[in-house]
Amino acid sequence: MTEHSRLSRNLRRQPKQQRGKERVEKILDAAAAVFDEVGYEAATTHLIAAKAGTAIGSLYQFFPDKAAIFNAMELRHTQRVKAMWARTNTPEIIQLPLRQTIHTLVKAVAEIFENSVSRVVFVQFFLNRHIFQSIDDSMTQEAIDFMASIFQQKNPALSEAQCQLLAEVCVNSSNAVILSALRNPDLEYRQQLMQQIENLLVSYLEPYLGGERSPDVMKVMKCPHCQSQKLSKNGYRRSKQCYLCKECGKQFVEKS
């Protein structure tokens, strides 16, 4: 059963017109705000309806209770996460240098949590697990499997067990920082915490994945003395290409 069919089953009445679909999304956004403000236990369907600016009867047309609303939020979050996995597990992203690959992944995750529904679902998963109907620890394992697949493609020399171990550390450490960030009311500091995930993962993964060089990426030669890329070929020495730096004037031999 797909997430879409589960959501359809969860709704008391499936909206057919665009206006109805927009109303459902408005209710979910309002529920996220209410759960964030007062907590799940204190939230009521009347509070959610008021926040959505809709009559309680209109809310009940789609959802029988707040549990059904929260379950719909779970499914919305799951849809976004799986869509992100599909967008980022591509050769174009995997063949990038390590930092660029991690930057792309972290940015994609951060964009998910710009949505209030996903923010609330993520935080509640760690604080209020018993209210969940669809998401469980299997989703964390799916995230680990996703990252392990990325690592295996970036460095085929790593064993499956090694990739799983690296991925588990990355996912669980990232989740801890994300949780801390999303619970912080200071938006600027929250963004700073999210940005640190990239540095954390790159530093940890560098010994395992930092040395890969995609055959599709042109090797960039730099002067070892001044790091300039303005070079000219300058003959051979012991069958190795020599270069002359146009910036500092020094010569060097290409390393094998």
Protein backbone atom coordinates (compact mmCIF):
# COMPACT_ATOMS: atom_id res chain seq x y z
CA MET A 1 0.00 0.00 0.00
CA THR A 2 1.42 3.40 -0.98
CA GLU A 3 1.55 6.49 1.25
CA HIS A 4 -1.06 8.10 -0.99
CA SER A 5 -3.49 5.19 -0.54
CA ARG A 6 -2.88 5.17 3.22
CA LEU A 7 -3.67 8.87 3.36
CA SER A 8 -6.81 8.32 1.30
CA ARG A 9 -7.91 5.61 3.71
CA ASN A 10 -7.13 7.87 6.67
CA LEU A 11 -9.31 10.70 5.39
CA ARG A 12 -13.01 10.50 6.23
CA ARG A 13 -13.81 12.04 2.85
CA GLN A 14 -11.33 12.20 0.00
CA PRO A 15 -11.28 15.71 -1.52
CA LYS A 16 -11.82 15.61 -5.27
CA GLN A 17 -11.68 19.30 -6.10
CA GLN A 18 -8.63 21.50 -5.73
CA ARG A 19 -10.39 23.63 -3.11
CA GLY A 20 -10.93 20.57 -0.94
CA LYS A 21 -7.30 19.49 -1.29
CA GLU A 22 -6.16 22.97 -0.32
CA ARG A 23 -8.44 22.86 2.73
CA VAL A 24 -6.86 19.58 3.86
CA GLU A 25 -3.38 21.07 3.51
CA LYS A 26 -4.50 24.13 5.48
CA ILE A 27 -5.81 21.90 8.27
CA LEU A 28 -2.51 19.98 8.40
CA ASP A 29 -0.50 23.21 8.56
CA ALA A 30 -2.79 24.53 11.29
CA ALA A 31 -2.47 21.28 13.23
CA ALA A 32 1.32 21.53 13.04
CA ALA A 33 1.14 25.04 14.51
CA VAL A 34 -1.21 23.94 17.32
CA PHE A 35 0.83 20.84 18.20
CA ASP A 36 3.94 23.03 18.26
CA GLU A 37 2.31 25.67 20.47
CA VAL A 38 0.44 23.56 23.06
CA GLY A 39 1.66 20.01 22.51
CA TYR A 40 -0.22 17.02 21.16
CA GLU A 41 -2.05 16.13 24.39
CA ALA A 42 -3.48 19.64 24.91
CA ALA A 43 -4.39 20.11 21.24
CA THR A 44 -8.03 19.75 20.20
CA THR A 45 -9.82 19.64 16.89
CA HIS A 46 -11.55 22.92 17.83
CA LEU A 47 -8.18 24.63 18.30
CA ILE A 48 -6.98 23.23 14.98
CA ALA A 49 -10.13 24.35 13.15
CA ALA A 50 -9.81 27.85 14.64
CA LYS A 51 -6.16 28.05 13.61
CA ALA A 52 -7.10 26.92 10.08
CA GLY A 53 -9.88 29.50 9.92
CA THR A 54 -12.46 26.84 9.10
CA ALA A 55 -15.62 25.56 10.78
CA ILE A 56 -15.25 22.49 12.98
CA GLY A 57 -17.82 20.78 10.76
CA SER A 58 -15.57 21.29 7.75
CA LEU A 59 -12.67 19.71 9.61
CA TYR A 60 -14.82 16.71 10.55
CA GLN A 61 -15.70 16.23 6.88
CA PHE A 62 -12.11 15.07 6.39
CA PHE A 63 -10.82 13.94 9.79
CA PRO A 64 -12.67 12.16 12.62
CA ASP A 65 -10.21 13.25 15.34
CA LYS A 66 -6.78 14.73 16.01
CA ALA A 67 -5.13 11.30 15.79
CA ALA A 68 -6.25 11.02 12.18
CA ILE A 69 -4.92 14.51 11.50
CA PHE A 70 -1.54 13.66 12.98
CA ASN A 71 -1.38 10.41 11.01
CA ALA A 72 -2.00 12.39 7.83
CA MET A 73 0.90 14.63 8.85
CA GLU A 74 3.09 11.53 9.27
CA LEU A 75 2.26 10.41 5.76
CA ARG A 76 2.91 13.86 4.29
CA HIS A 77 6.34 13.89 5.93
CA THR A 78 7.12 10.38 4.68
CA GLN A 79 6.20 11.40 1.14
CA ARG A 80 8.57 14.38 1.28
CA VAL A 81 11.46 12.33 2.67
CA LYS A 82 11.14 9.55 0.10
CA ALA A 83 10.85 12.07 -2.73
CA MET A 84 14.07 13.69 -1.47
CA TRP A 85 15.84 10.32 -1.43
CA ALA A 86 14.79 9.69 -5.02
CA ARG A 87 16.00 13.15 -6.14
CA THR A 88 19.42 12.89 -4.51
CA ASN A 89 20.44 9.27 -5.09
CA THR A 90 21.66 10.01 -8.60
CA PRO A 91 25.02 9.56 -10.37
CA GLU A 92 25.31 13.32 -10.90
CA ILE A 93 25.27 13.96 -7.14
CA ILE A 94 27.23 10.87 -6.09
CA GLN A 95 30.10 11.67 -8.50
CA LEU A 96 30.62 15.10 -6.97
CA PRO A 97 33.51 15.62 -4.53
CA LEU A 98 32.64 14.55 -0.99
CA ARG A 99 31.85 17.99 0.41
CA GLN A 100 29.60 18.86 -2.52
CA THR A 101 27.73 15.58 -2.21
CA ILE A 102 27.19 16.10 1.53
CA HIS A 103 26.26 19.75 0.99
CA THR A 104 23.59 18.71 -1.51
CA LEU A 105 22.15 16.11 0.87
CA VAL A 106 22.16 18.40 3.91
CA LYS A 107 20.54 21.20 1.91
CA ALA A 108 17.80 18.83 0.72
CA VAL A 109 17.12 17.74 4.30
CA ALA A 110 17.04 21.34 5.52
CA GLU A 111 14.47 22.19 2.84
CA ILE A 112 12.19 19.42 4.13
CA PHE A 113 12.18 21.03 7.58
CA GLU A 114 11.20 24.40 6.19
CA ASN A 115 7.76 22.80 6.14
CA SER A 116 6.01 23.07 9.52
CA VAL A 117 4.36 19.65 9.22
CA SER A 118 7.70 17.89 8.79
CA ARG A 119 9.27 19.90 11.63
CA VAL A 120 6.57 18.90 14.09
CA VAL A 121 6.49 15.26 13.00
CA PHE A 122 10.26 14.94 13.37
CA VAL A 123 10.36 16.49 16.85
CA GLN A 124 7.35 14.52 18.09
CA PHE A 125 8.92 11.25 16.93
CA PHE A 126 11.65 11.69 19.54
CA LEU A 127 9.47 13.20 22.26
CA ASN A 128 6.07 11.56 21.90
CA ARG A 129 6.58 8.26 20.07
CA HIS A 130 3.32 6.63 21.22
CA ILE A 131 1.13 8.92 19.08
CA PHE A 132 2.62 7.62 15.82
CA GLN A 133 0.70 5.21 13.62
CA SER A 134 2.77 5.09 10.41
CA ILE A 135 6.36 6.08 11.20
CA ASP A 136 8.55 3.84 13.34
CA ASP A 137 12.21 2.84 13.61
CA SER A 138 12.02 1.25 10.17
CA MET A 139 12.13 4.74 8.64
CA THR A 140 15.42 5.43 10.42
CA GLN A 141 16.74 2.17 9.00
CA GLU A 142 15.59 3.24 5.52
CA ALA A 143 17.58 6.46 5.99
CA ILE A 144 20.62 4.41 6.99
CA ASP A 145 20.20 2.16 3.95
CA PHE A 146 19.90 5.24 1.73
CA MET A 147 23.14 6.73 3.05
CA ALA A 148 24.92 3.35 2.90
CA SER A 149 23.96 3.12 -0.77
CA ILE A 150 25.45 6.57 -1.40
CA PHE A 151 28.70 5.58 0.33
CA GLN A 152 28.97 2.27 -1.52
CA GLN A 153 28.61 4.05 -4.85
CA LYS A 154 31.17 6.70 -3.91
CA ASN A 155 33.72 4.10 -2.79
CA PRO A 156 33.04 0.55 -4.07
CA ALA A 157 36.10 -0.66 -2.13
CA LEU A 158 34.12 -0.32 1.10
CA SER A 159 32.26 -3.43 2.25
CA GLU A 160 28.51 -3.41 2.81
CA ALA A 161 29.09 -3.72 6.56
CA GLN A 162 31.44 -0.72 6.55
CA CYS A 163 28.92 1.38 4.61
CA GLN A 164 26.13 0.44 7.02
CA LEU A 165 28.30 1.37 10.02
CA LEU A 166 29.28 4.73 8.54
CA ALA A 167 25.67 5.44 7.56
CA GLU A 168 24.32 4.58 11.02
CA VAL A 169 26.75 7.00 12.65
CA CYS A 170 25.91 9.72 10.12
CA VAL A 171 22.13 9.35 10.37
CA ASN A 172 21.95 9.14 14.15
CA SER A 173 24.41 11.99 14.76
CA SER A 174 22.62 14.17 12.17
CA ASN A 175 19.23 13.41 13.74
CA ALA A 176 20.55 14.54 17.13
CA VAL A 177 21.73 17.87 15.72
CA ILE A 178 18.53 18.33 13.69
CA LEU A 179 16.41 17.71 16.79
CA SER A 180 18.40 20.27 18.75
CA ALA A 181 18.08 22.76 15.90
CA LEU A 182 14.34 22.33 15.40
CA ARG A 183 13.63 22.73 19.11
CA ASN A 184 15.55 26.02 19.24
CA PRO A 185 13.28 29.08 18.83
CA ASP A 186 16.14 31.21 17.48
CA LEU A 187 15.84 30.80 13.70
CA GLU A 188 19.33 32.14 12.99
CA TYR A 189 20.94 29.77 15.50
CA ARG A 190 18.82 26.92 14.15
CA GLN A 191 20.24 27.56 10.69
CA GLN A 192 23.77 27.65 12.08
CA LEU A 193 23.27 24.25 13.71
CA MET A 194 21.95 22.77 10.48
CA GLN A 195 24.98 24.10 8.61
CA GLN A 196 27.31 22.40 11.08
CA ILE A 197 25.97 18.99 10.04
CA GLU A 198 27.87 19.34 6.76
CA ASN A 199 31.17 19.96 8.56
CA LEU A 200 30.48 17.11 10.97
CA LEU A 201 29.80 14.57 8.23
CA VAL A 202 32.61 15.65 5.93
CA SER A 203 35.18 15.46 8.73
CA TYR A 204 33.97 12.01 9.73
CA LEU A 205 33.74 10.62 6.18
CA GLU A 206 36.90 12.14 4.71
CA PRO A 207 39.16 9.14 5.54
CA TYR A 208 36.70 6.76 3.86
CA LEU A 209 35.28 8.76 0.96
CA GLY A 210 37.46 11.84 0.55
CA GLY A 211 39.96 10.34 -1.86
CA GLU A 212 37.60 9.28 -4.58
CA ARG A 213 37.97 10.92 -7.98
CA SER A 214 35.27 10.44 -10.53
CA PRO A 215 36.55 9.55 -14.02
CA ASP A 216 33.98 11.98 -15.40
CA VAL A 217 35.48 14.95 -13.54
CA MET A 218 38.50 16.62 -15.17
CA LYS A 219 41.57 16.67 -12.95
CA VAL A 220 42.51 20.22 -11.98
CA MET A 221 46.27 20.77 -11.76
CA LYS A 222 47.52 23.36 -9.24
CA CYS A 223 50.95 24.69 -8.41
CA PRO A 224 52.07 23.04 -5.13
CA HIS A 225 53.86 26.26 -4.15
CA CYS A 226 51.16 28.93 -4.63
CA GLN A 227 48.05 26.89 -5.62
CA SER A 228 47.69 28.78 -8.88
CA GLN A 229 46.04 27.03 -11.82
CA LYS A 230 47.88 29.21 -14.36
CA LEU A 231 50.37 26.63 -15.59
CA SER A 232 52.23 25.72 -18.75
CA LYS A 233 53.79 22.40 -19.68
CA ASN A 234 57.57 22.46 -19.43
CA GLY A 235 58.96 19.24 -20.87
CA TYR A 236 59.43 15.89 -19.18
CA ARG A 237 61.62 14.56 -16.39
CA ARG A 238 62.00 10.80 -16.04
CA SER A 239 58.92 10.29 -18.22
CA LYS A 240 56.80 12.59 -16.05
CA GLN A 241 55.23 15.84 -17.23
CA CYS A 242 56.85 19.00 -15.88
CA TYR A 243 54.98 22.27 -15.37
CA LEU A 244 55.94 25.91 -15.01
CA CYS A 245 53.78 28.13 -12.82
CA LYS A 246 53.04 31.46 -14.51
CA GLU A 247 52.32 33.08 -11.15
CA CYS A 248 55.34 32.22 -8.99
CA GLY A 249 57.70 31.03 -11.73
CA LYS A 250 58.50 27.74 -10.00
CA GLN A 251 58.64 24.37 -11.71
CA PHE A 252 57.24 21.09 -10.46
CA VAL A 253 56.65 17.55 -11.68
CA GLU A 254 53.21 16.02 -11.98
CA LYS A 255 52.58 13.46 -9.25
CA SER A 256 51.36 10.04 -10.34
